[in-house]
């Protein structure tokens, strides 16, 4: 699993541990919160939301990192669904077809057929 981060504003970045509850105490106000996963020092799976932290009122948020680096993450009130599952399944199926289908085609090529002259 790749490291996950949350940014509350300039210079306010904290790391997240997957499948664990985190508590952050912020002064009352509106915050644009950006969640993302770091993949080889590139921000992927970005998701953002705006929250109002009124005094004494907790805000429950959940971040779901995507299955692939080509999709955005999901952030908001729980529960959140991970995006990109269909693309991941499609990629796996394509690789399996190319590997095993390619082996079948190689055995049927004209160069491997016996000459009956």
Protein backbone atom coordinates (compact mmCIF):
# COMPACT_ATOMS: atom_id res chain seq x y z
CA UNK A 1 0.00 0.00 0.00
CA UNK A 2 1.22 3.47 -0.84
CA UNK A 3 1.32 6.34 1.67
CA UNK A 4 -1.86 8.43 1.96
CA UNK A 5 -1.99 12.10 2.92
CA UNK A 6 -4.50 14.80 3.79
CA UNK A 7 -3.95 18.54 3.32
CA UNK A 8 -6.06 21.09 5.18
CA UNK A 9 -4.34 24.10 3.64
CA UNK A 10 -0.88 25.39 2.76
CA UNK A 11 1.66 23.77 5.07
CA UNK A 12 -0.93 21.65 6.89
CA UNK A 13 -0.28 18.11 5.60
CA UNK A 14 -0.61 14.92 7.62
CA UNK A 15 -0.12 11.28 6.71
CA UNK A 16 -2.87 8.69 7.06
CA UNK A 17 -2.66 5.03 7.96
CA UNK A 18 -5.03 2.86 5.89
CA UNK A 19 -8.04 1.31 7.66
CA UNK A 20 -7.51 3.38 10.77
CA UNK A 21 -9.51 6.20 12.33
CA UNK A 22 -7.72 9.55 12.60
CA UNK A 23 -8.70 12.64 14.58
CA UNK A 24 -7.63 16.13 13.57
CA UNK A 25 -8.53 19.17 15.64
CA UNK A 26 -9.05 22.33 13.59
CA UNK A 27 -10.26 25.79 14.59
CA UNK A 28 -13.84 26.60 13.52
CA UNK A 29 -14.12 27.62 9.89
CA UNK A 30 -14.38 26.36 6.34
CA UNK A 31 -11.62 24.12 5.02
CA UNK A 32 -10.92 22.69 1.59
CA UNK A 33 -9.53 19.27 2.39
CA UNK A 34 -7.45 17.42 -0.20
CA UNK A 35 -6.80 13.69 0.11
CA UNK A 36 -4.33 11.84 -2.10
CA UNK A 37 -2.03 8.84 -2.33
CA UNK A 38 1.66 9.16 -3.13
CA UNK A 39 2.86 6.87 -5.93
CA UNK A 40 6.58 7.34 -6.64
CA UNK A 41 6.36 10.94 -5.33
CA UNK A 42 3.39 11.74 -7.60
CA UNK A 43 0.02 12.71 -6.13
CA UNK A 44 -2.57 10.23 -7.45
CA UNK A 45 -6.11 9.37 -6.41
CA UNK A 46 -6.86 12.96 -5.51
CA UNK A 47 -10.18 13.73 -3.84
CA UNK A 48 -11.27 16.94 -2.24
CA UNK A 49 -14.15 18.17 -0.18
CA UNK A 50 -15.09 21.31 1.73
CA UNK A 51 -16.07 21.06 5.40
CA UNK A 52 -17.41 23.48 7.97
CA UNK A 53 -15.91 22.82 11.41
CA UNK A 54 -18.35 24.46 13.79
CA UNK A 55 -17.32 24.56 17.43
CA UNK A 56 -18.12 21.30 19.18
CA UNK A 57 -19.42 19.51 16.08
CA UNK A 58 -17.27 16.64 14.78
CA UNK A 59 -17.04 16.07 11.04
CA UNK A 60 -16.71 12.45 9.93
CA UNK A 61 -14.98 11.94 6.59
CA UNK A 62 -13.72 8.91 4.74
CA UNK A 63 -11.18 8.68 1.92
CA UNK A 64 -11.19 5.73 -0.46
CA UNK A 65 -8.10 5.44 -2.65
CA UNK A 66 -8.79 4.21 -6.21
CA UNK A 67 -7.84 0.77 -7.50
CA UNK A 68 -5.68 2.29 -10.27
CA UNK A 69 -3.60 5.44 -10.53
CA UNK A 70 -5.78 6.60 -13.44
CA UNK A 71 -8.86 7.30 -11.31
CA UNK A 72 -9.72 9.90 -8.71
CA UNK A 73 -10.23 8.95 -5.09
CA UNK A 74 -13.47 9.40 -3.18
CA UNK A 75 -13.86 11.61 -0.12
CA UNK A 76 -16.86 12.59 1.94
CA UNK A 77 -19.16 11.19 4.60
CA UNK A 78 -18.79 7.43 5.11
CA UNK A 79 -19.10 5.03 3.40
CA UNK A 80 -17.06 5.84 0.29
CA UNK A 81 -16.53 3.45 -2.63
CA UNK A 82 -13.18 2.93 -4.34
CA UNK A 83 -13.18 3.85 -8.04
CA UNK A 84 -11.57 2.01 -10.93
CA UNK A 85 -12.55 -1.59 -10.13
CA UNK A 86 -13.92 -2.23 -13.63
CA UNK A 87 -10.72 -0.96 -15.27
CA UNK A 88 -8.58 -3.12 -12.99
CA UNK A 89 -10.61 -6.24 -13.83
CA UNK A 90 -10.41 -5.36 -17.54
CA UNK A 91 -6.62 -5.01 -17.38
CA UNK A 92 -6.24 -8.34 -15.60
CA UNK A 93 -8.50 -10.09 -18.14
CA UNK A 94 -6.58 -8.51 -21.04
CA UNK A 95 -3.24 -9.69 -19.65
CA UNK A 96 -4.54 -13.23 -19.07
CA UNK A 97 -5.96 -13.37 -22.61
CA UNK A 98 -2.70 -12.10 -24.10
CA UNK A 99 -0.56 -14.53 -22.12
CA UNK A 100 -2.66 -17.66 -22.53
CA UNK A 101 -4.25 -16.71 -25.85
CA UNK A 102 -0.83 -15.89 -27.30
CA UNK A 103 0.45 -19.33 -26.30
CA UNK A 104 -2.44 -20.95 -28.19
CA UNK A 105 -1.81 -18.90 -31.32
CA UNK A 106 1.91 -19.71 -31.27
CA UNK A 107 1.19 -23.42 -31.42
CA UNK A 108 -1.15 -22.92 -34.42
CA UNK A 109 1.21 -20.80 -36.49
CA UNK A 110 2.15 -22.08 -40.00
CA UNK A 111 5.79 -22.50 -39.05
CA UNK A 112 4.92 -25.09 -36.41
CA UNK A 113 2.49 -27.02 -38.63
CA UNK A 114 3.81 -30.25 -40.11
CA UNK A 115 4.45 -30.33 -43.86
CA UNK A 116 2.56 -33.22 -45.51
CA UNK A 117 4.16 -33.18 -48.98
